[in-house]
């Protein structure tokens, strides 16, 4: 299986590794996922995908406001007129209106769109 420990995980590959771990693990350790992604977004603050995966992971922990902040930061990295912005805005609207964010569908990262 995929492990999320060890300093050998370089930042560039961390988002990929975390996404693989989420996909292949029945009950991911969402706290660990969030911790790893927060480290990644500090360094790759220009990259939208880690912020989207972070937002999705925060929702799994029921952290609605923090998730919205992560999505917003990811959206700020998009080029003007990027079609993915519409998906992000629609998803953020669903998050804001949701009573139980832990049950929401995740926002698909734009490299999967």
C-alpha atoms as a PDB file:
ATOM      1  CA  UNK A   1       0.000   0.000   0.000  1.00  0.00           C
ATOM      2  CA  UNK A   2       0.906   3.654  -0.173  1.00  0.00           C
ATOM      3  CA  UNK A   3       2.440   5.174   2.943  1.00  0.00           C
ATOM      4  CA  UNK A   4       2.376   8.838   3.886  1.00  0.00           C
ATOM      5  CA  UNK A   5       5.387   8.864   6.164  1.00  0.00           C
ATOM      6  CA  UNK A   6       9.048   9.553   5.698  1.00  0.00           C
ATOM      7  CA  UNK A   7      11.072  12.534   4.653  1.00  0.00           C
ATOM      8  CA  UNK A   8      11.948  10.862   1.348  1.00  0.00           C
ATOM      9  CA  UNK A   9       8.644  12.050  -0.080  1.00  0.00           C
ATOM     10  CA  UNK A  10       9.628  15.044  -2.179  1.00  0.00           C
ATOM     11  CA  UNK A  11       7.180  17.897  -2.292  1.00  0.00           C
ATOM     12  CA  UNK A  12       6.675  17.687  -6.044  1.00  0.00           C
ATOM     13  CA  UNK A  13       5.378  14.137  -5.778  1.00  0.00           C
ATOM     14  CA  UNK A  14       3.514  14.538  -2.503  1.00  0.00           C
ATOM     15  CA  UNK A  15       0.133  15.533  -3.964  1.00  0.00           C
ATOM     16  CA  UNK A  16       0.245  12.536  -6.312  1.00  0.00           C
ATOM     17  CA  UNK A  17       1.223  10.204  -3.456  1.00  0.00           C
ATOM     18  CA  UNK A  18      -1.527  11.549  -1.200  1.00  0.00           C
ATOM     19  CA  UNK A  19      -4.130  11.174  -3.954  1.00  0.00           C
ATOM     20  CA  UNK A  20      -2.977   7.592  -4.593  1.00  0.00           C
ATOM     21  CA  UNK A  21      -3.198   6.860  -0.849  1.00  0.00           C
ATOM     22  CA  UNK A  22      -6.763   8.264  -0.694  1.00  0.00           C
ATOM     23  CA  UNK A  23      -7.818   6.207  -3.721  1.00  0.00           C
ATOM     24  CA  UNK A  24      -6.238   2.945  -2.514  1.00  0.00           C
ATOM     25  CA  UNK A  25      -7.092   3.155   1.192  1.00  0.00           C
ATOM     26  CA  UNK A  26     -10.509   2.105   2.471  1.00  0.00           C
ATOM     27  CA  UNK A  27     -10.498   4.444   5.489  1.00  0.00           C
ATOM     28  CA  UNK A  28      -7.823   7.094   4.948  1.00  0.00           C
ATOM     29  CA  UNK A  29      -6.332   8.913   7.926  1.00  0.00           C
ATOM     30  CA  UNK A  30      -7.802  12.291   6.974  1.00  0.00           C
ATOM     31  CA  UNK A  31      -5.896  14.137   9.718  1.00  0.00           C
ATOM     32  CA  UNK A  32      -2.608  12.856   8.278  1.00  0.00           C
ATOM     33  CA  UNK A  33      -3.737  13.663   4.734  1.00  0.00           C
ATOM     34  CA  UNK A  34      -4.574  17.241   5.784  1.00  0.00           C
ATOM     35  CA  UNK A  35      -1.230  17.599   7.566  1.00  0.00           C
ATOM     36  CA  UNK A  36       0.709  16.452   4.488  1.00  0.00           C
ATOM     37  CA  UNK A  37      -1.285  18.667   2.128  1.00  0.00           C
ATOM     38  CA  UNK A  38      -0.864  21.728   4.361  1.00  0.00           C
ATOM     39  CA  UNK A  39       2.909  21.180   4.151  1.00  0.00           C
ATOM     40  CA  UNK A  40       2.634  20.877   0.374  1.00  0.00           C
ATOM     41  CA  UNK A  41       0.524  24.011  -0.085  1.00  0.00           C
ATOM     42  CA  UNK A  42       3.049  26.082   1.886  1.00  0.00           C
ATOM     43  CA  UNK A  43       5.683  25.254  -0.722  1.00  0.00           C
ATOM     44  CA  UNK A  44       3.528  24.828  -3.845  1.00  0.00           C
ATOM     45  CA  UNK A  45       1.297  27.801  -3.069  1.00  0.00           C
ATOM     46  CA  UNK A  46       0.954  28.533  -6.801  1.00  0.00           C
ATOM     47  CA  UNK A  47      -0.563  25.105  -7.608  1.00  0.00           C
ATOM     48  CA  UNK A  48      -4.356  24.673  -7.575  1.00  0.00           C
ATOM     49  CA  UNK A  49      -4.549  20.872  -7.238  1.00  0.00           C
ATOM     50  CA  UNK A  50      -3.084  20.502  -3.702  1.00  0.00           C
ATOM     51  CA  UNK A  51      -5.549  23.120  -2.447  1.00  0.00           C
ATOM     52  CA  UNK A  52      -8.476  21.254  -4.048  1.00  0.00           C
ATOM     53  CA  UNK A  53      -7.403  17.931  -2.522  1.00  0.00           C
ATOM     54  CA  UNK A  54      -6.847  19.719   0.818  1.00  0.00           C
ATOM     55  CA  UNK A  55     -10.358  21.213   0.647  1.00  0.00           C
ATOM     56  CA  UNK A  56     -11.852  17.798  -0.126  1.00  0.00           C
ATOM     57  CA  UNK A  57      -9.942  16.252   2.782  1.00  0.00           C
ATOM     58  CA  UNK A  58     -11.014  18.976   5.209  1.00  0.00           C
ATOM     59  CA  UNK A  59     -14.633  18.264   4.258  1.00  0.00           C
ATOM     60  CA  UNK A  60     -14.116  14.635   5.298  1.00  0.00           C
ATOM     61  CA  UNK A  61     -13.208  16.000   8.744  1.00  0.00           C
ATOM     62  CA  UNK A  62     -16.276  18.264   8.748  1.00  0.00           C
ATOM     63  CA  UNK A  63     -14.143  21.420   8.581  1.00  0.00           C
ATOM     64  CA  UNK A  64     -16.348  23.442   6.272  1.00  0.00           C
ATOM     65  CA  UNK A  65     -14.813  26.910   6.740  1.00  0.00           C
ATOM     66  CA  UNK A  66     -11.224  25.684   6.397  1.00  0.00           C
ATOM     67  CA  UNK A  67     -12.206  23.740   3.278  1.00  0.00           C
ATOM     68  CA  UNK A  68     -13.707  26.857   1.704  1.00  0.00           C
ATOM     69  CA  UNK A  69     -10.497  28.780   2.453  1.00  0.00           C
ATOM     70  CA  UNK A  70      -8.450  26.041   0.751  1.00  0.00           C
ATOM     71  CA  UNK A  71     -10.711  26.029  -2.324  1.00  0.00           C
ATOM     72  CA  UNK A  72     -10.529  29.840  -2.523  1.00  0.00           C
ATOM     73  CA  UNK A  73      -6.725  29.784  -2.391  1.00  0.00           C
ATOM     74  CA  UNK A  74      -6.710  27.167  -5.141  1.00  0.00           C
ATOM     75  CA  UNK A  75      -9.088  29.245  -7.236  1.00  0.00           C
ATOM     76  CA  UNK A  76      -6.866  32.309  -6.818  1.00  0.00           C
ATOM     77  CA  UNK A  77      -4.145  30.384  -8.675  1.00  0.00           C
ATOM     78  CA  UNK A  78      -6.244  29.904 -11.812  1.00  0.00           C
ATOM     79  CA  UNK A  79      -5.714  31.996 -14.924  1.00  0.00           C
ATOM     80  CA  UNK A  80      -8.475  34.475 -15.719  1.00  0.00           C
ATOM     81  CA  UNK A  81     -11.220  32.739 -17.670  1.00  0.00           C
ATOM     82  CA  UNK A  82     -10.120  29.216 -16.699  1.00  0.00           C
ATOM     83  CA  UNK A  83     -13.176  26.960 -17.231  1.00  0.00           C
ATOM     84  CA  UNK A  84     -12.336  25.066 -13.995  1.00  0.00           C
ATOM     85  CA  UNK A  85     -13.289  28.177 -12.018  1.00  0.00           C
ATOM     86  CA  UNK A  86     -16.975  27.463 -12.748  1.00  0.00           C
ATOM     87  CA  UNK A  87     -16.662  23.952 -11.258  1.00  0.00           C
ATOM     88  CA  UNK A  88     -14.942  25.381  -8.194  1.00  0.00           C
ATOM     89  CA  UNK A  89     -17.568  28.086  -7.664  1.00  0.00           C
ATOM     90  CA  UNK A  90     -20.430  25.591  -8.021  1.00  0.00           C
ATOM     91  CA  UNK A  91     -18.758  23.212  -5.572  1.00  0.00           C
ATOM     92  CA  UNK A  92     -18.069  25.987  -3.043  1.00  0.00           C
ATOM     93  CA  UNK A  93     -21.731  26.977  -3.267  1.00  0.00           C
ATOM     94  CA  UNK A  94     -22.768  23.375  -2.479  1.00  0.00           C
ATOM     95  CA  UNK A  95     -20.343  23.337   0.465  1.00  0.00           C
ATOM     96  CA  UNK A  96     -21.742  26.596   1.863  1.00  0.00           C
ATOM     97  CA  UNK A  97     -25.331  25.289   1.637  1.00  0.00           C
ATOM     98  CA  UNK A  98     -24.588  21.811   2.993  1.00  0.00           C
ATOM     99  CA  UNK A  99     -25.673  20.745   6.459  1.00  0.00           C
ATOM    100  CA  UNK A 100     -23.278  17.769   6.518  1.00  0.00           C
ATOM    101  CA  UNK A 101     -20.188  18.442   4.418  1.00  0.00           C
ATOM    102  CA  UNK A 102     -18.726  15.022   5.212  1.00  0.00           C
ATOM    103  CA  UNK A 103     -21.248  13.468   2.800  1.00  0.00           C
ATOM    104  CA  UNK A 104     -20.596  15.809  -0.140  1.00  0.00           C
ATOM    105  CA  UNK A 105     -19.110  14.539  -3.392  1.00  0.00           C
ATOM    106  CA  UNK A 106     -15.502  15.639  -3.698  1.00  0.00           C
ATOM    107  CA  UNK A 107     -14.475  18.274  -6.203  1.00  0.00           C
ATOM    108  CA  UNK A 108     -12.530  16.563  -8.960  1.00  0.00           C
ATOM    109  CA  UNK A 109      -9.087  18.153  -9.379  1.00  0.00           C
ATOM    110  CA  UNK A 110      -8.746  19.922 -12.711  1.00  0.00           C
ATOM    111  CA  UNK A 111      -6.174  17.449 -13.997  1.00  0.00           C
ATOM    112  CA  UNK A 112      -8.951  14.843 -13.850  1.00  0.00           C
ATOM    113  CA  UNK A 113     -11.582  17.045 -15.526  1.00  0.00           C
END
